[in-house]
Amino acid sequence: MDFDSQIKLEHLLFKERRCRSCGESKDLISEYYLYRKSKPHLPSSYAYECKDCAVKRMIMSRSSTTVFGHYEYPDW
């Protein structure tokens, strides 16, 4: 068994990070997306924006491209 990887993962379980968008402190593993999947034991592998804020940002960016609930098609 590799005890080093278990110890590093356990230390991450109790870490919190402050979201850049909403400013709330949330649990690192359950509330943030993992961006660098090759190094999940590093805290820098997780996003600095919580999942809730990321979803809100994506909804707002996609809704600006729609007109009356439908996507705009080019006028050919």
N, C-alpha and C. Protein backbone atom coordinates (compact mmCIF):
# COMPACT_ATOMS: atom_id res chain seq x y z
N MET A 1 0.83 -1.20 0.00
CA MET A 1 0.00 0.00 0.00
C MET A 1 0.87 1.25 0.00
N ASP A 2 0.38 2.28 -0.63
CA ASP A 2 1.08 3.56 -0.69
C ASP A 2 0.48 4.50 0.36
N PHE A 3 1.16 4.60 1.51
CA PHE A 3 0.63 5.40 2.61
C PHE A 3 0.78 6.90 2.38
N ASP A 4 1.74 7.31 1.57
CA ASP A 4 1.93 8.74 1.31
C ASP A 4 0.73 9.35 0.60
N SER A 5 0.18 8.65 -0.37
CA SER A 5 -0.96 9.20 -1.10
C SER A 5 -2.20 9.27 -0.22
N GLN A 6 -2.37 8.34 0.72
CA GLN A 6 -3.51 8.37 1.62
C GLN A 6 -3.40 9.53 2.60
N ILE A 7 -2.21 9.80 3.09
CA ILE A 7 -2.03 10.90 4.04
C ILE A 7 -2.28 12.23 3.36
N LYS A 8 -1.80 12.41 2.14
CA LYS A 8 -2.01 13.66 1.42
C LYS A 8 -3.49 13.88 1.13
N LEU A 9 -4.20 12.82 0.76
CA LEU A 9 -5.62 12.94 0.46
C LEU A 9 -6.40 13.28 1.73
N GLU A 10 -6.02 12.68 2.85
CA GLU A 10 -6.73 12.97 4.10
C GLU A 10 -6.53 14.41 4.54
N HIS A 11 -5.36 14.98 4.28
CA HIS A 11 -5.13 16.37 4.62
C HIS A 11 -6.00 17.30 3.78
N LEU A 12 -6.29 16.90 2.56
CA LEU A 12 -7.14 17.72 1.70
C LEU A 12 -8.60 17.70 2.13
N LEU A 13 -9.03 16.64 2.78
CA LEU A 13 -10.44 16.51 3.13
C LEU A 13 -10.92 17.61 4.07
N PHE A 14 -10.04 18.18 4.84
CA PHE A 14 -10.45 19.17 5.83
C PHE A 14 -10.10 20.59 5.42
N LYS A 15 -9.69 20.80 4.19
CA LYS A 15 -9.32 22.14 3.74
C LYS A 15 -10.54 22.87 3.21
N GLU A 16 -10.52 24.17 3.41
CA GLU A 16 -11.56 25.02 2.86
C GLU A 16 -10.92 26.08 2.00
N ARG A 17 -11.68 26.57 1.05
CA ARG A 17 -11.19 27.61 0.16
C ARG A 17 -12.27 28.67 0.02
N ARG A 18 -11.84 29.91 -0.12
CA ARG A 18 -12.78 31.02 -0.30
C ARG A 18 -13.00 31.20 -1.80
N CYS A 19 -14.27 31.23 -2.19
CA CYS A 19 -14.65 31.38 -3.59
C CYS A 19 -14.34 32.79 -4.06
N ARG A 20 -13.81 32.91 -5.27
CA ARG A 20 -13.49 34.23 -5.82
C ARG A 20 -14.74 35.02 -6.18
N SER A 21 -15.82 34.34 -6.51
CA SER A 21 -17.03 35.03 -6.95
C SER A 21 -17.93 35.44 -5.80
N CYS A 22 -18.31 34.49 -4.95
CA CYS A 22 -19.26 34.79 -3.88
C CYS A 22 -18.58 35.13 -2.56
N GLY A 23 -17.33 34.75 -2.38
CA GLY A 23 -16.60 35.08 -1.17
C GLY A 23 -16.85 34.17 0.02
N GLU A 24 -17.61 33.10 -0.16
CA GLU A 24 -17.90 32.17 0.93
C GLU A 24 -16.79 31.11 1.03
N SER A 25 -16.52 30.65 2.25
CA SER A 25 -15.57 29.56 2.46
C SER A 25 -16.32 28.24 2.38
N LYS A 26 -15.85 27.35 1.51
CA LYS A 26 -16.51 26.06 1.30
C LYS A 26 -15.47 24.95 1.27
N ASP A 27 -15.95 23.72 1.44
CA ASP A 27 -15.11 22.53 1.44
C ASP A 27 -14.45 22.36 0.07
N LEU A 28 -13.17 22.07 0.07
CA LEU A 28 -12.39 22.02 -1.16
C LEU A 28 -12.82 20.88 -2.08
N ILE A 29 -13.01 19.69 -1.56
CA ILE A 29 -13.25 18.53 -2.41
C ILE A 29 -14.69 18.45 -2.90
N SER A 30 -15.66 18.74 -2.05
CA SER A 30 -17.05 18.57 -2.46
C SER A 30 -17.64 19.79 -3.14
N GLU A 31 -17.07 20.96 -2.95
CA GLU A 31 -17.68 22.19 -3.47
C GLU A 31 -16.92 22.84 -4.62
N TYR A 32 -15.80 22.28 -5.04
CA TYR A 32 -15.01 22.86 -6.12
C TYR A 32 -14.71 21.80 -7.17
N TYR A 33 -14.62 22.21 -8.42
CA TYR A 33 -14.29 21.29 -9.50
C TYR A 33 -12.79 21.00 -9.51
N LEU A 34 -12.44 19.76 -9.85
CA LEU A 34 -11.06 19.34 -9.98
C LEU A 34 -10.64 19.57 -11.43
N TYR A 35 -9.70 20.48 -11.67
CA TYR A 35 -9.30 20.81 -13.03
C TYR A 35 -8.10 20.01 -13.51
N ARG A 36 -7.15 19.75 -12.65
CA ARG A 36 -5.98 18.97 -13.04
C ARG A 36 -6.13 17.57 -12.47
N LYS A 37 -6.72 16.68 -13.24
CA LYS A 37 -7.03 15.34 -12.75
C LYS A 37 -5.80 14.46 -12.58
N SER A 38 -4.67 14.87 -13.14
CA SER A 38 -3.46 14.08 -13.00
C SER A 38 -2.82 14.27 -11.62
N LYS A 39 -3.17 15.36 -10.91
CA LYS A 39 -2.59 15.63 -9.59
C LYS A 39 -3.68 16.00 -8.60
N PRO A 40 -4.55 15.04 -8.23
CA PRO A 40 -5.66 15.37 -7.34
C PRO A 40 -5.25 15.62 -5.88
N HIS A 41 -4.02 15.31 -5.53
CA HIS A 41 -3.59 15.50 -4.15
C HIS A 41 -3.12 16.92 -3.87
N LEU A 42 -3.01 17.75 -4.89
CA LEU A 42 -2.56 19.13 -4.70
C LEU A 42 -3.76 20.07 -4.58
N PRO A 43 -3.74 20.98 -3.62
CA PRO A 43 -4.85 21.94 -3.51
C PRO A 43 -4.96 22.86 -4.71
N SER A 44 -3.86 23.09 -5.42
CA SER A 44 -3.89 23.96 -6.59
C SER A 44 -4.56 23.29 -7.79
N SER A 45 -4.89 22.02 -7.69
CA SER A 45 -5.57 21.32 -8.77
C SER A 45 -7.05 21.63 -8.82
N TYR A 46 -7.56 22.26 -7.78
CA TYR A 46 -8.98 22.57 -7.71
C TYR A 46 -9.22 24.02 -8.14
N ALA A 47 -10.42 24.27 -8.63
CA ALA A 47 -10.79 25.60 -9.12
C ALA A 47 -10.85 26.60 -7.96
N TYR A 48 -10.81 27.88 -8.29
CA TYR A 48 -10.94 28.93 -7.28
C TYR A 48 -12.35 29.50 -7.27
N GLU A 49 -13.24 28.93 -8.06
CA GLU A 49 -14.64 29.33 -8.12
C GLU A 49 -15.47 28.10 -7.75
N CYS A 50 -16.41 28.24 -6.82
CA CYS A 50 -17.19 27.09 -6.36
C CYS A 50 -18.13 26.60 -7.47
N LYS A 51 -18.66 25.41 -7.30
CA LYS A 51 -19.51 24.80 -8.31
C LYS A 51 -20.77 25.63 -8.56
N ASP A 52 -21.36 26.17 -7.50
CA ASP A 52 -22.58 26.98 -7.65
C ASP A 52 -22.32 28.22 -8.49
N CYS A 53 -21.24 28.91 -8.23
CA CYS A 53 -20.91 30.12 -8.99
C CYS A 53 -20.54 29.78 -10.43
N ALA A 54 -19.88 28.64 -10.63
CA ALA A 54 -19.52 28.23 -11.99
C ALA A 54 -20.77 27.94 -12.81
N VAL A 55 -21.76 27.29 -12.20
CA VAL A 55 -23.01 26.99 -12.90
C VAL A 55 -23.75 28.29 -13.22
N LYS A 56 -23.81 29.22 -12.27
CA LYS A 56 -24.47 30.50 -12.51
C LYS A 56 -23.79 31.27 -13.64
N ARG A 57 -22.46 31.25 -13.65
CA ARG A 57 -21.71 31.95 -14.70
C ARG A 57 -22.00 31.35 -16.08
N MET A 58 -22.07 30.04 -16.15
CA MET A 58 -22.34 29.38 -17.43
C MET A 58 -23.76 29.67 -17.91
N ILE A 59 -24.72 29.68 -17.00
CA ILE A 59 -26.10 29.98 -17.38
C ILE A 59 -26.21 31.40 -17.90
N MET A 60 -25.55 32.34 -17.24
CA MET A 60 -25.61 33.73 -17.67
C MET A 60 -24.92 33.93 -19.02
N SER A 61 -23.82 33.25 -19.26
CA SER A 61 -23.11 33.42 -20.53
C SER A 61 -23.88 32.77 -21.68
N ARG A 62 -24.59 31.70 -21.43
CA ARG A 62 -25.36 31.04 -22.49
C ARG A 62 -26.67 31.76 -22.75
N SER A 63 -27.25 32.37 -21.74
CA SER A 63 -28.53 33.02 -21.94
C SER A 63 -28.39 34.30 -22.76
N SER A 64 -27.21 34.88 -22.84
CA SER A 64 -27.04 36.10 -23.61
C SER A 64 -27.00 35.82 -25.12
N THR A 65 -26.85 34.57 -25.52
CA THR A 65 -26.81 34.24 -26.94
C THR A 65 -28.17 33.82 -27.46
N THR A 66 -29.19 33.82 -26.62
CA THR A 66 -30.51 33.38 -27.06
C THR A 66 -31.44 34.56 -27.23
N VAL A 67 -32.39 34.41 -28.11
CA VAL A 67 -33.44 35.41 -28.31
C VAL A 67 -34.78 34.70 -28.15
N PHE A 68 -35.56 35.12 -27.21
CA PHE A 68 -36.87 34.53 -26.91
C PHE A 68 -36.79 33.03 -26.65
N GLY A 69 -35.73 32.59 -26.01
CA GLY A 69 -35.59 31.18 -25.65
C GLY A 69 -35.04 30.31 -26.75
N HIS A 70 -34.74 30.87 -27.91
CA HIS A 70 -34.19 30.09 -29.03
C HIS A 70 -32.87 30.70 -29.45
N TYR A 71 -32.02 29.87 -30.00
CA TYR A 71 -30.74 30.37 -30.49
C TYR A 71 -30.95 31.14 -31.77
N GLU A 72 -30.15 32.16 -31.96
CA GLU A 72 -30.21 32.93 -33.20
C GLU A 72 -29.51 32.17 -34.31
N TYR A 73 -30.15 32.09 -35.45
CA TYR A 73 -29.54 31.46 -36.61
C TYR A 73 -29.16 32.57 -37.59
N PRO A 74 -28.12 32.38 -38.34
CA PRO A 74 -27.77 33.43 -39.30
C PRO A 74 -28.82 33.56 -40.41
N ASP A 75 -29.00 34.76 -40.91
CA ASP A 75 -29.96 35.01 -41.97
C ASP A 75 -29.27 34.79 -43.30
N TRP A 76 -29.51 33.60 -43.90
CA TRP A 76 -28.84 33.26 -45.14
C TRP A 76 -29.63 33.71 -46.30
